PDB file of N, CA and C in Angstrom:
ATOM      1  N   ARG A   1     -54.257   6.700 -97.754  1.00  0.00           N
ATOM      2  CA  ARG A   1     -55.742   5.688 -97.964  1.00  0.00           C
ATOM      3  C   ARG A   1     -56.407   5.475 -99.459  1.00  0.00           C
ATOM      4  N   ALA A   2     -56.017   6.846-100.403  1.00  0.00           N
ATOM      5  CA  ALA A   2     -57.127   5.988-101.398  1.00  0.00           C
ATOM      6  C   ALA A   2     -56.142   5.307-102.594  1.00  0.00           C
ATOM      7  N   ALA A   3     -54.662   5.114-101.699  1.00  0.00           N
ATOM      8  CA  ALA A   3     -53.752   4.046-102.603  1.00  0.00           C
ATOM      9  C   ALA A   3     -54.087   2.864-101.950  1.00  0.00           C
ATOM     10  N   LYS A   4     -54.487   2.754-100.653  1.00  0.00           N
ATOM     11  CA  LYS A   4     -54.638   1.412 -99.988  1.00  0.00           C
ATOM     12  C   LYS A   4     -55.936   0.959-101.113  1.00  0.00           C
ATOM     13  N   LEU A   5     -56.699   1.773-100.682  1.00  0.00           N
ATOM     14  CA  LEU A   5     -58.323   1.053-101.503  1.00  0.00           C
ATOM     15  C   LEU A   5     -57.902   1.137-103.192  1.00  0.00           C
ATOM     16  N   ALA A   6     -56.953   1.397-103.764  1.00  0.00           N
ATOM     17  CA  ALA A   6     -56.938   1.167-104.978  1.00  0.00           C
ATOM     18  C   ALA A   6     -55.979  -0.502-105.081  1.00  0.00           C
ATOM     19  N   ARG A   7     -55.659  -0.812-104.298  1.00  0.00           N
ATOM     20  CA  ARG A   7     -54.739  -2.182-103.931  1.00  0.00           C
ATOM     21  C   ARG A   7     -55.989  -2.964-103.347  1.00  0.00           C
ATOM     22  N   THR A   8     -57.522  -2.950-103.533  1.00  0.00           N
ATOM     23  CA  THR A   8     -58.422  -3.771-102.869  1.00  0.00           C
ATOM     24  C   THR A   8     -59.623  -4.211-103.743  1.00  0.00           C
ATOM     25  N   VAL A   9     -60.054  -5.177-103.391  1.00  0.00           N
ATOM     26  CA  VAL A   9     -60.771  -6.089-103.703  1.00  0.00           C
ATOM     27  C   VAL A   9     -62.487  -5.702-102.953  1.00  0.00           C
ATOM     28  N   VAL A  10     -63.415  -6.266-103.767  1.00  0.00           N
ATOM     29  CA  VAL A  10     -64.454  -6.641-102.622  1.00  0.00           C
ATOM     30  C   VAL A  10     -64.752  -8.305-103.313  1.00  0.00           C
ATOM     31  N   ILE A  11     -65.063  -9.370-102.066  1.00  0.00           N
ATOM     32  CA  ILE A  11     -65.476 -10.489-102.816  1.00  0.00           C
ATOM     33  C   ILE A  11     -66.522 -10.784-102.124  1.00  0.00           C
ATOM     34  N   ALA A  12     -67.363 -11.347-102.827  1.00  0.00           N
ATOM     35  CA  ALA A  12     -68.894 -11.786-102.147  1.00  0.00           C
ATOM     36  C   ALA A  12     -69.005 -13.257-102.167  1.00  0.00           C
ATOM     37  N   GLY A  13     -69.852 -13.851-101.671  1.00  0.00           N
ATOM     38  CA  GLY A  13     -70.422 -15.070-101.728  1.00  0.00           C
ATOM     39  C   GLY A  13     -69.221 -16.015-100.871  1.00  0.00           C
ATOM     40  N   VAL A  14     -68.637 -15.284 -99.858  1.00  0.00           N
ATOM     41  CA  VAL A  14     -68.049 -16.314 -98.464  1.00  0.00           C
ATOM     42  C   VAL A  14     -68.398 -17.314 -98.207  1.00  0.00           C
ATOM     43  N   PRO A  15     -68.616 -17.762 -97.810  1.00  0.00           N
ATOM     44  CA  PRO A  15     -69.401 -18.992 -97.129  1.00  0.00           C
ATOM     45  C   PRO A  15     -69.343 -18.838 -95.792  1.00  0.00           C
ATOM     46  N   ASP A  16     -70.660 -18.463 -95.417  1.00  0.00           N
ATOM     47  CA  ASP A  16     -70.568 -17.768 -93.645  1.00  0.00           C
ATOM     48  C   ASP A  16     -71.054 -18.596 -92.981  1.00  0.00           C
ATOM     49  N   GLY A  17     -70.761 -18.546 -91.709  1.00  0.00           N
ATOM     50  CA  GLY A  17     -71.070 -19.394 -91.022  1.00  0.00           C
ATOM     51  C   GLY A  17     -70.390 -21.266 -90.857  1.00  0.00           C
ATOM     52  N   LEU A  18     -69.336 -21.554 -91.936  1.00  0.00           N
ATOM     53  CA  LEU A  18     -69.009 -22.956 -91.405  1.00  0.00           C
ATOM     54  C   LEU A  18     -67.708 -22.884 -91.278  1.00  0.00           C
ATOM     55  N   LEU A  19     -66.900 -21.911 -91.276  1.00  0.00           N
ATOM     56  CA  LEU A  19     -65.929 -22.072 -90.440  1.00  0.00           C
ATOM     57  C   LEU A  19     -65.830 -20.979 -89.183  1.00  0.00           C
ATOM     58  N   HIS A  20     -64.330 -21.019 -89.050  1.00  0.00           N
ATOM     59  CA  HIS A  20     -64.061 -19.830 -88.246  1.00  0.00           C
ATOM     60  C   HIS A  20     -63.460 -18.613 -88.508  1.00  0.00           C
ATOM     61  N   ASN A  21     -63.983 -17.605 -88.614  1.00  0.00           N
ATOM     62  CA  ASN A  21     -63.758 -16.642 -89.183  1.00  0.00           C
ATOM     63  C   ASN A  21     -61.980 -15.934 -89.617  1.00  0.00           C
ATOM     64  N   ASP A  22     -60.990 -16.470 -88.347  1.00  0.00           N
ATOM     65  CA  ASP A  22     -59.616 -16.590 -88.786  1.00  0.00           C
ATOM     66  C   ASP A  22     -59.512 -17.445 -89.713  1.00  0.00           C
ATOM     67  N   VAL A  23     -59.885 -18.738 -89.483  1.00  0.00           N
ATOM     68  CA  VAL A  23     -60.308 -19.983 -90.754  1.00  0.00           C
ATOM     69  C   VAL A  23     -60.225 -19.471 -92.203  1.00  0.00           C
ATOM     70  N   MET A  24     -61.522 -18.861 -91.950  1.00  0.00           N
ATOM     71  CA  MET A  24     -61.790 -18.636 -93.411  1.00  0.00           C
ATOM     72  C   MET A  24     -60.980 -17.429 -94.127  1.00  0.00           C
ATOM     73  N   ALA A  25     -60.636 -16.389 -93.472  1.00  0.00           N
ATOM     74  CA  ALA A  25     -59.536 -15.366 -93.763  1.00  0.00           C
ATOM     75  C   ALA A  25     -57.986 -15.598 -94.119  1.00  0.00           C
ATOM     76  N   ASP A  26     -57.992 -16.874 -93.605  1.00  0.00           N
ATOM     77  CA  ASP A  26     -56.650 -17.663 -93.774  1.00  0.00           C
ATOM     78  C   ASP A  26     -56.981 -18.406 -95.155  1.00  0.00           C
ATOM     79  N   ILE A  27     -58.093 -18.834 -95.513  1.00  0.00           N
ATOM     80  CA  ILE A  27     -58.225 -20.051 -96.599  1.00  0.00           C
ATOM     81  C   ILE A  27     -58.298 -18.446 -98.066  1.00  0.00           C
ATOM     82  N   LEU A  28     -58.906 -17.592 -98.184  1.00  0.00           N
ATOM     83  CA  LEU A  28     -59.366 -16.299 -98.643  1.00  0.00           C
ATOM     84  C   LEU A  28     -57.177 -16.085 -98.934  1.00  0.00           C
ATOM     85  N   VAL A  29     -56.532 -16.054 -97.863  1.00  0.00           N
ATOM     86  CA  VAL A  29     -55.136 -15.065 -98.288  1.00  0.00           C
ATOM     87  C   VAL A  29     -54.558 -16.308 -99.141  1.00  0.00           C
ATOM     88  N   ILE A  30     -54.983 -17.330 -98.802  1.00  0.00           N
ATOM     89  CA  ILE A  30     -53.874 -18.760 -99.397  1.00  0.00           C
ATOM     90  C   ILE A  30     -54.901 -18.928-101.400  1.00  0.00           C
ATOM     91  N   HIS A  31     -55.935 -18.897-101.238  1.00  0.00           N
ATOM     92  CA  HIS A  31     -56.707 -18.340-102.850  1.00  0.00           C
ATOM     93  C   HIS A  31     -55.935 -17.304-103.185  1.00  0.00           C
ATOM     94  N   PHE A  32     -55.896 -16.070-102.941  1.00  0.00           N
ATOM     95  CA  PHE A  32     -55.701 -14.973-103.604  1.00  0.00           C
ATOM     96  C   PHE A  32     -53.861 -14.735-104.040  1.00  0.00           C
ATOM     97  N   GLN A  33     -53.433 -15.761-103.150  1.00  0.00           N
ATOM     98  CA  GLN A  33     -51.959 -15.269-103.303  1.00  0.00           C
ATOM     99  C   GLN A  33     -51.581 -16.402-104.284  1.00  0.00           C
ATOM    100  N   LYS A  34     -52.633 -17.624-105.204  1.00  0.00           N
ATOM    101  CA  LYS A  34     -51.987 -18.275-105.730  1.00  0.00           C
ATOM    102  C   LYS A  34     -52.284 -18.059-107.238  1.00  0.00           C
ATOM    103  N   SER A  35     -51.095 -18.213-108.014  1.00  0.00           N
ATOM    104  CA  SER A  35     -50.383 -17.661-109.092  1.00  0.00           C
ATOM    105  C   SER A  35     -51.724 -18.367-110.055  1.00  0.00           C
ATOM    106  N   LYS A  36     -52.688 -19.555-110.083  1.00  0.00           N
ATOM    107  CA  LYS A  36     -53.636 -20.218-111.307  1.00  0.00           C
ATOM    108  C   LYS A  36     -54.581 -19.518-110.912  1.00  0.00           C
ATOM    109  N   ASN A  37     -54.723 -18.479-109.689  1.00  0.00           N
ATOM    110  CA  ASN A  37     -56.292 -17.408-109.571  1.00  0.00           C
ATOM    111  C   ASN A  37     -55.462 -16.130-110.091  1.00  0.00           C
ATOM    112  N   ASN A  38     -54.142 -16.275-110.810  1.00  0.00           N
ATOM    113  CA  ASN A  38     -54.172 -14.548-111.060  1.00  0.00           C
ATOM    114  C   ASN A  38     -53.836 -14.039-110.012  1.00  0.00           C
ATOM    115  N   GLY A  39     -53.124 -13.947-108.685  1.00  0.00           N
ATOM    116  CA  GLY A  39     -53.202 -13.713-107.100  1.00  0.00           C
ATOM    117  C   GLY A  39     -52.130 -13.320-107.346  1.00  0.00           C
ATOM    118  N   GLY A  40     -51.670 -13.426-106.276  1.00  0.00           N
ATOM    119  CA  GLY A  40     -50.349 -12.198-105.204  1.00  0.00           C
ATOM    120  C   GLY A  40     -49.764 -12.086-104.450  1.00  0.00           C
ATOM    121  N   ASP A  41     -49.080 -10.820-104.036  1.00  0.00           N
ATOM    122  CA  ASP A  41     -49.244 -11.091-101.898  1.00  0.00           C
ATOM    123  C   ASP A  41     -49.904 -10.017-101.909  1.00  0.00           C
ATOM    124  N   VAL A  42     -50.951 -10.877-100.587  1.00  0.00           N
ATOM    125  CA  VAL A  42     -52.129 -10.244 -99.769  1.00  0.00           C
ATOM    126  C   VAL A  42     -50.960  -9.333 -99.121  1.00  0.00           C
ATOM    127  N   GLU A  43     -51.744  -8.063 -99.082  1.00  0.00           N
ATOM    128  CA  GLU A  43     -51.625  -7.462 -97.912  1.00  0.00           C
ATOM    129  C   GLU A  43     -52.430  -7.405 -96.422  1.00  0.00           C
ATOM    130  N   GLU A  44     -53.414  -7.560 -96.920  1.00  0.00           N
ATOM    131  CA  GLU A  44     -54.697  -7.693 -95.460  1.00  0.00           C
ATOM    132  C   GLU A  44     -56.187  -8.301 -96.003  1.00  0.00           C
ATOM    133  N   VAL A  45     -56.810  -9.115 -94.907  1.00  0.00           N
ATOM    134  CA  VAL A  45     -58.314  -9.296 -95.282  1.00  0.00           C
ATOM    135  C   VAL A  45     -58.716  -9.142 -94.821  1.00  0.00           C
ATOM    136  N   GLN A  46     -60.282  -8.339 -94.700  1.00  0.00           N
ATOM    137  CA  GLN A  46     -60.875  -7.929 -93.800  1.00  0.00           C
ATOM    138  C   GLN A  46     -61.952  -8.953 -94.051  1.00  0.00           C
ATOM    139  N   TYR A  47     -61.833  -9.284 -92.732  1.00  0.00           N
ATOM    140  CA  TYR A  47     -63.167 -10.757 -92.893  1.00  0.00           C
ATOM    141  C   TYR A  47     -63.419 -11.427 -91.348  1.00  0.00           C
ATOM    142  N   PRO A  48     -64.664 -10.856 -91.214  1.00  0.00           N
ATOM    143  CA  PRO A  48     -66.084 -10.827 -91.095  1.00  0.00           C
ATOM    144  C   PRO A  48     -65.954  -9.202 -91.553  1.00  0.00           C
ATOM    145  N   THR A  49     -67.466  -8.650 -92.572  1.00  0.00           N
ATOM    146  CA  THR A  49     -67.304  -7.543 -92.686  1.00  0.00           C
ATOM    147  C   THR A  49     -68.643  -7.351 -92.113  1.00  0.00           C
ATOM    148  N   ARG A  50     -69.172  -5.996 -92.249  1.00  0.00           N
ATOM    149  CA  ARG A  50     -70.568  -5.860 -91.798  1.00  0.00           C
ATOM    150  C   ARG A  50     -71.445  -6.992 -92.667  1.00  0.00           C
ATOM    151  N   ASN A  51     -71.016  -6.696 -93.798  1.00  0.00           N
ATOM    152  CA  ASN A  51     -72.194  -7.647 -94.770  1.00  0.00           C
ATOM    153  C   ASN A  51     -71.538  -8.969 -94.817  1.00  0.00           C
ATOM    154  N   LYS A  52     -72.667  -9.661 -94.632  1.00  0.00           N
ATOM    155  CA  LYS A  52     -72.404 -11.472 -94.817  1.00  0.00           C
ATOM    156  C   LYS A  52     -71.850 -11.879 -95.693  1.00  0.00           C
ATOM    157  N   GLY A  53     -71.389 -12.917 -95.817  1.00  0.00           N
ATOM    158  CA  GLY A  53     -70.363 -13.406 -97.307  1.00  0.00           C
ATOM    159  C   GLY A  53     -69.543 -12.202 -98.046  1.00  0.00           C
ATOM    160  N   VAL A  54     -69.172 -11.489 -97.308  1.00  0.00           N
ATOM    161  CA  VAL A  54     -68.309 -10.013 -97.765  1.00  0.00           C
ATOM    162  C   VAL A  54     -66.928 -10.098 -97.365  1.00  0.00           C
ATOM    163  N   ALA A  55     -65.698  -9.921 -97.899  1.00  0.00           N
ATOM    164  CA  ALA A  55     -64.409  -9.421 -97.195  1.00  0.00           C
ATOM    165  C   ALA A  55     -64.116  -8.824 -98.477  1.00  0.00           C
ATOM    166  N   TYR A  56     -62.888  -8.261 -97.227  1.00  0.00           N
ATOM    167  CA  TYR A  56     -62.152  -7.166 -98.408  1.00  0.00           C
ATOM    168  C   TYR A  56     -60.340  -7.864 -98.333  1.00  0.00           C
ATOM    169  N   VAL A  57     -60.201  -7.630 -99.453  1.00  0.00           N
ATOM    170  CA  VAL A  57     -59.154  -8.394 -99.784  1.00  0.00           C
ATOM    171  C   VAL A  57     -57.835  -7.466-100.399  1.00  0.00           C
ATOM    172  N   THR A  58     -56.826  -6.997 -99.637  1.00  0.00           N
ATOM    173  CA  THR A  58     -55.534  -5.839-100.395  1.00  0.00           C
ATOM    174  C   THR A  58     -54.636  -6.845-100.650  1.00  0.00           C
ATOM    175  N   PHE A  59     -54.124  -5.902-101.818  1.00  0.00           N
ATOM    176  CA  PHE A  59     -53.005  -6.861-102.745  1.00  0.00           C
ATOM    177  C   PHE A  59     -51.359  -5.933-102.433  1.00  0.00           C
ATOM    178  N   GLU A  60     -50.416  -6.016-102.396  1.00  0.00           N
ATOM    179  CA  GLU A  60     -49.398  -5.208-102.383  1.00  0.00           C
ATOM    180  C   GLU A  60     -49.319  -4.116-103.367  1.00  0.00           C
ATOM    181  N   ASP A  61     -49.181  -4.892-104.013  1.00  0.00           N
ATOM    182  CA  ASP A  61     -49.273  -4.393-105.861  1.00  0.00           C
ATOM    183  C   ASP A  61     -50.410  -3.946-106.685  1.00  0.00           C
ATOM    184  N   GLN A  62     -51.001  -3.213-106.921  1.00  0.00           N
ATOM    185  CA  GLN A  62     -51.716  -2.494-107.417  1.00  0.00           C
ATOM    186  C   GLN A  62     -52.429  -3.478-109.197  1.00  0.00           C
ATOM    187  N   GLU A  63     -51.312  -3.877-109.952  1.00  0.00           N
ATOM    188  CA  GLU A  63     -50.774  -4.540-110.601  1.00  0.00           C
ATOM    189  C   GLU A  63     -51.988  -5.941-110.576  1.00  0.00           C
ATOM    190  N   VAL A  64     -51.990  -6.748-109.530  1.00  0.00           N
ATOM    191  CA  VAL A  64     -52.359  -7.606-108.869  1.00  0.00           C
ATOM    192  C   VAL A  64     -53.871  -7.532-108.986  1.00  0.00           C
ATOM    193  N   VAL A  65     -54.450  -6.724-108.925  1.00  0.00           N
ATOM    194  CA  VAL A  65     -56.047  -5.800-108.548  1.00  0.00           C
ATOM    195  C   VAL A  65     -56.403  -6.555-110.324  1.00  0.00           C
ATOM    196  N   GLU A  66     -54.956  -5.800-110.880  1.00  0.00           N
ATOM    197  CA  GLU A  66     -55.686  -6.337-112.677  1.00  0.00           C
ATOM    198  C   GLU A  66     -56.144  -7.466-113.214  1.00  0.00           C
ATOM    199  N   SER A  67     -55.049  -8.036-112.308  1.00  0.00           N
ATOM    200  CA  SER A  67     -54.888  -9.195-112.681  1.00  0.00           C
ATOM    201  C   SER A  67     -56.117 -10.558-112.194  1.00  0.00           C
ATOM    202  N   VAL A  68     -56.539 -10.022-110.881  1.00  0.00           N
ATOM    203  CA  VAL A  68     -57.514 -10.975-109.869  1.00  0.00           C
ATOM    204  C   VAL A  68     -59.275 -10.595-110.901  1.00  0.00           C
ATOM    205  N   LEU A  69     -59.199  -9.454-111.062  1.00  0.00           N
ATOM    206  CA  LEU A  69     -60.255  -9.191-111.842  1.00  0.00           C
ATOM    207  C   LEU A  69     -60.297  -9.765-113.494  1.00  0.00           C
ATOM    208  N   LYS A  70     -59.285  -9.773-114.003  1.00  0.00           N
ATOM    209  CA  LYS A  70     -59.503 -10.800-115.195  1.00  0.00           C
ATOM    210  C   LYS A  70     -59.629 -12.002-115.491  1.00  0.00           C
ATOM    211  N   LYS A  71     -59.588 -12.401-114.141  1.00  0.00           N
ATOM    212  CA  LYS A  71     -59.775 -14.396-113.791  1.00  0.00           C
ATOM    213  C   LYS A  71     -61.551 -14.207-114.235  1.00  0.00           C
ATOM    214  N   ASP A  72     -61.963 -14.784-114.995  1.00  0.00           N
ATOM    215  CA  ASP A  72     -63.116 -15.342-115.126  1.00  0.00           C
ATOM    216  C   ASP A  72     -63.982 -15.832-114.067  1.00  0.00           C
ATOM    217  N   GLU A  73     -63.366 -16.796-113.499  1.00  0.00           N
ATOM    218  CA  GLU A  73     -64.392 -17.205-112.238  1.00  0.00           C
ATOM    219  C   GLU A  73     -63.670 -18.085-110.897  1.00  0.00           C
ATOM    220  N   HIS A  74     -63.873 -16.922-110.132  1.00  0.00           N
ATOM    221  CA  HIS A  74     -62.599 -17.005-109.285  1.00  0.00           C
ATOM    222  C   HIS A  74     -63.777 -18.890-107.908  1.00  0.00           C
ATOM    223  N   ARG A  75     -62.921 -19.443-107.665  1.00  0.00           N
ATOM    224  CA  ARG A  75     -63.640 -20.554-106.498  1.00  0.00           C
ATOM    225  C   ARG A  75     -62.963 -21.136-105.959  1.00  0.00           C
ATOM    226  N   LEU A  76     -63.343 -20.756-104.629  1.00  0.00           N
ATOM    227  CA  LEU A  76     -62.953 -21.190-103.437  1.00  0.00           C
ATOM    228  C   LEU A  76     -63.102 -22.456-102.985  1.00  0.00           C
ATOM    229  N   GLU A  77     -61.663 -22.564-103.141  1.00  0.00           N
ATOM    230  CA  GLU A  77     -62.258 -24.609-102.736  1.00  0.00           C
ATOM    231  C   GLU A  77     -60.885 -24.463-101.221  1.00  0.00           C
ATOM    232  N   ASP A  78     -61.339 -25.378-100.707  1.00  0.00           N
ATOM    233  CA  ASP A  78     -60.207 -25.942 -99.811  1.00  0.00           C
ATOM    234  C   ASP A  78     -60.455 -27.333 -99.076  1.00  0.00           C
ATOM    235  N   LYS A  79     -59.382 -28.044 -98.642  1.00  0.00           N
ATOM    236  CA  LYS A  79     -59.875 -29.546 -97.882  1.00  0.00           C
ATOM    237  C   LYS A  79     -60.708 -28.701 -96.721  1.00  0.00           C
ATOM    238  N   ARG A  80     -61.281 -27.957 -96.207  1.00  0.00           N
ATOM    239  CA  ARG A  80     -61.829 -27.702 -94.926  1.00  0.00           C
ATOM    240  C   ARG A  80     -62.936 -27.273 -95.145  1.00  0.00           C
ATOM    241  N   LEU A  81     -63.432 -27.189 -96.455  1.00  0.00           N
ATOM    242  CA  LEU A  81     -65.018 -26.954 -97.161  1.00  0.00           C
ATOM    243  C   LEU A  81     -65.613 -28.075 -97.555  1.00  0.00           C
ATOM    244  N   SER A  82     -66.832 -27.988 -97.943  1.00  0.00           N
ATOM    245  CA  SER A  82     -66.936 -29.336 -98.331  1.00  0.00           C
ATOM    246  C   SER A  82     -67.128 -29.515 -99.415  1.00  0.00           C
ATOM    247  N   ARG A  83     -67.411 -28.328 -99.541  1.00  0.00           N
ATOM    248  CA  ARG A  83     -67.279 -28.041-101.979  1.00  0.00           C
ATOM    249  C   ARG A  83     -67.170 -27.025-102.288  1.00  0.00           C
ATOM    250  N   TYR A  84     -66.579 -26.533-103.056  1.00  0.00           N
ATOM    251  CA  TYR A  84     -66.267 -25.506-103.552  1.00  0.00           C
ATOM    252  C   TYR A  84     -67.159 -23.903-103.534  1.00  0.00           C
ATOM    253  N   TYR A  85     -66.343 -22.933-103.690  1.00  0.00           N
ATOM    254  CA  TYR A  85     -67.831 -21.919-103.671  1.00  0.00           C
ATOM    255  C   TYR A  85     -67.133 -20.791-104.456  1.00  0.00           C
ATOM    256  N   PRO A  86     -68.458 -20.584-105.754  1.00  0.00           N
ATOM    257  CA  PRO A  86     -68.006 -18.980-106.590  1.00  0.00           C
ATOM    258  C   PRO A  86     -67.958 -17.914-106.041  1.00  0.00           C
ATOM    259  N   LEU A  87     -67.204 -17.664-106.204  1.00  0.00           N
ATOM    260  CA  LEU A  87     -67.032 -15.763-105.471  1.00  0.00           C
ATOM    261  C   LEU A  87     -66.964 -14.570-106.754  1.00  0.00           C
ATOM    262  N   LYS A  88     -67.626 -13.426-106.362  1.00  0.00           N
ATOM    263  CA  LYS A  88     -68.100 -12.610-107.489  1.00  0.00           C
ATOM    264  C   LYS A  88     -66.933 -11.300-106.438  1.00  0.00           C
ATOM    265  N   VAL A  89     -65.396 -11.106-107.801  1.00  0.00           N
ATOM    266  CA  VAL A  89     -64.952  -9.801-106.957  1.00  0.00           C
ATOM    267  C   VAL A  89     -64.967  -8.987-108.141  1.00  0.00           C
ATOM    268  N   THR A  90     -64.986  -8.065-107.227  1.00  0.00           N
ATOM    269  CA  THR A  90     -65.251  -6.503-108.150  1.00  0.00           C
ATOM    270  C   THR A  90     -64.552  -5.493-107.511  1.00  0.00           C
ATOM    271  N   ARG A  91     -63.583  -4.924-108.281  1.00  0.00           N
ATOM    272  CA  ARG A  91     -62.740  -3.585-107.515  1.00  0.00           C
ATOM    273  C   ARG A  91     -63.858  -2.640-107.020  1.00  0.00           C
ATOM    274  N   TYR A  92     -62.841  -2.592-105.664  1.00  0.00           N
ATOM    275  CA  TYR A  92     -63.620  -1.864-104.263  1.00  0.00           C
ATOM    276  C   TYR A  92     -63.352  -0.195-105.168  1.00  0.00           C
ATOM    277  N   CYS A  93     -64.501   0.295-104.763  1.00  0.00           N
ATOM    278  CA  CYS A  93     -64.890   1.937-105.259  1.00  0.00           C
ATOM    279  C   CYS A  93     -65.159   2.465-104.095  1.00  0.00           C
ATOM    280  N   GLU A  94     -65.696   3.755-103.966  1.00  0.00           N
ATOM    281  CA  GLU A  94     -66.278   4.512-103.056  1.00  0.00           C
ATOM    282  C   GLU A  94     -67.247   4.668-102.859  1.00  0.00           C
ATOM    283  N   HIS A  95     -67.893   4.675-104.000  1.00  0.00           N
ATOM    284  CA  HIS A  95     -69.270   4.899-104.471  1.00  0.00           C
ATOM    285  C   HIS A  95     -70.063   3.324-103.693  1.00  0.00           C
ATOM    286  N   VAL A  96     -69.502   2.178-104.132  1.00  0.00           N
ATOM    287  CA  VAL A  96     -69.697   0.956-103.804  1.00  0.00           C
ATOM    288  C   VAL A  96     -69.849   1.051-102.072  1.00  0.00           C
ATOM    289  N   SER A  97     -69.020   1.131-101.529  1.00  0.00           N
ATOM    290  CA  SER A  97     -68.750   1.304 -99.878  1.00  0.00           C
ATOM    291  C   SER A  97     -69.768   2.314 -99.373  1.00  0.00           C
ATOM    292  N   ALA A  98     -70.402   3.301 -99.799  1.00  0.00           N
ATOM    293  CA  ALA A  98     -71.027   4.922 -99.440  1.00  0.00           C
ATOM    294  C   ALA A  98     -72.577   3.932 -99.503  1.00  0.00           C
ATOM    295  N   VAL A  99     -72.786   2.938-100.157  1.00  0.00           N
ATOM    296  CA  VAL A  99     -73.558   2.056-100.543  1.00  0.00           C
ATOM    297  C   VAL A  99     -74.395   1.024 -99.101  1.00  0.00           C
ATOM    298  N   VAL A 100     -72.892   0.029 -99.440  1.00  0.00           N
ATOM    299  CA  VAL A 100     -72.710  -0.283 -98.479  1.00  0.00           C
ATOM    300  C   VAL A 100     -73.003   0.109 -97.454  1.00  0.00           C
ATOM    301  N   ILE A 101     -72.642   1.057 -96.977  1.00  0.00           N
ATOM    302  CA  ILE A 101     -72.342   1.583 -95.203  1.00  0.00           C
ATOM    303  C   ILE A 101     -73.508   2.475 -95.191  1.00  0.00           C
ATOM    304  N   SER A 102     -74.263   3.109 -96.246  1.00  0.00           N
ATOM    305  CA  SER A 102     -75.759   3.260 -96.243  1.00  0.00           C
ATOM    306  C   SER A 102     -76.606   2.436 -95.715  1.00  0.00           C
ATOM    307  N   LEU A 103     -76.878   1.033 -96.024  1.00  0.00           N
ATOM    308  CA  LEU A 103     -77.554   0.077 -96.245  1.00  0.00           C
ATOM    309  C   LEU A 103     -77.353  -0.178 -94.338  1.00  0.00           C
ATOM    310  N   ALA A 104     -76.194  -0.007 -93.705  1.00  0.00           N
ATOM    311  CA  ALA A 104     -75.569  -1.005 -92.609  1.00  0.00           C
ATOM    312  C   ALA A 104     -76.009   0.193 -91.433  1.00  0.00           C
ATOM    313  N   VAL A 105     -76.211   1.334 -92.051  1.00  0.00           N
ATOM    314  CA  VAL A 105     -76.276   2.461 -90.950  1.00  0.00           C
ATOM    315  C   VAL A 105     -77.833   2.501 -90.941  1.00  0.00           C
ATOM    316  N   PRO A 106     -78.658   2.630 -89.796  1.00  0.00           N
ATOM    317  CA  PRO A 106     -80.016   3.172 -90.350  1.00  0.00           C
ATOM    318  C   PRO A 106     -79.487   4.615 -90.519  1.00  0.00           C
ATOM    319  N   PRO A 107     -80.777   5.342 -91.174  1.00  0.00           N
ATOM    320  CA  PRO A 107     -81.093   6.434 -90.852  1.00  0.00           C
ATOM    321  C   PRO A 107     -81.111   7.323 -89.924  1.00  0.00           C
ATOM    322  N   LEU A 108     -81.103   8.509 -89.588  1.00  0.00           N
ATOM    323  CA  LEU A 108     -81.311   9.075 -88.503  1.00  0.00           C
ATOM    324  C   LEU A 108     -83.000   9.886 -88.254  1.00  0.00           C
TER     325      LEU A 108
END
């Protein structure tokens, strides 16, 4: 599980409600596989998630995570979208997920 999380990035800024979830997940896969986006082979995309506009992308190789994070600006562009959307790409970490989960789960 830890190895998979090390190959995962958090994507914020995914346009919500514009396209069917499966279509948006496909667009994310295409974006993060392109070499111009410093991408590589995508193992899995989790979209939608509990948080609107957030997706998780897991790559086959850890090195791809590093190169994706080095890219200054990720712009989600596709002919099915009316414009481009800037994406914020951050490393997945347990601390962030704990905060996200605590926000999503009401306290007892």
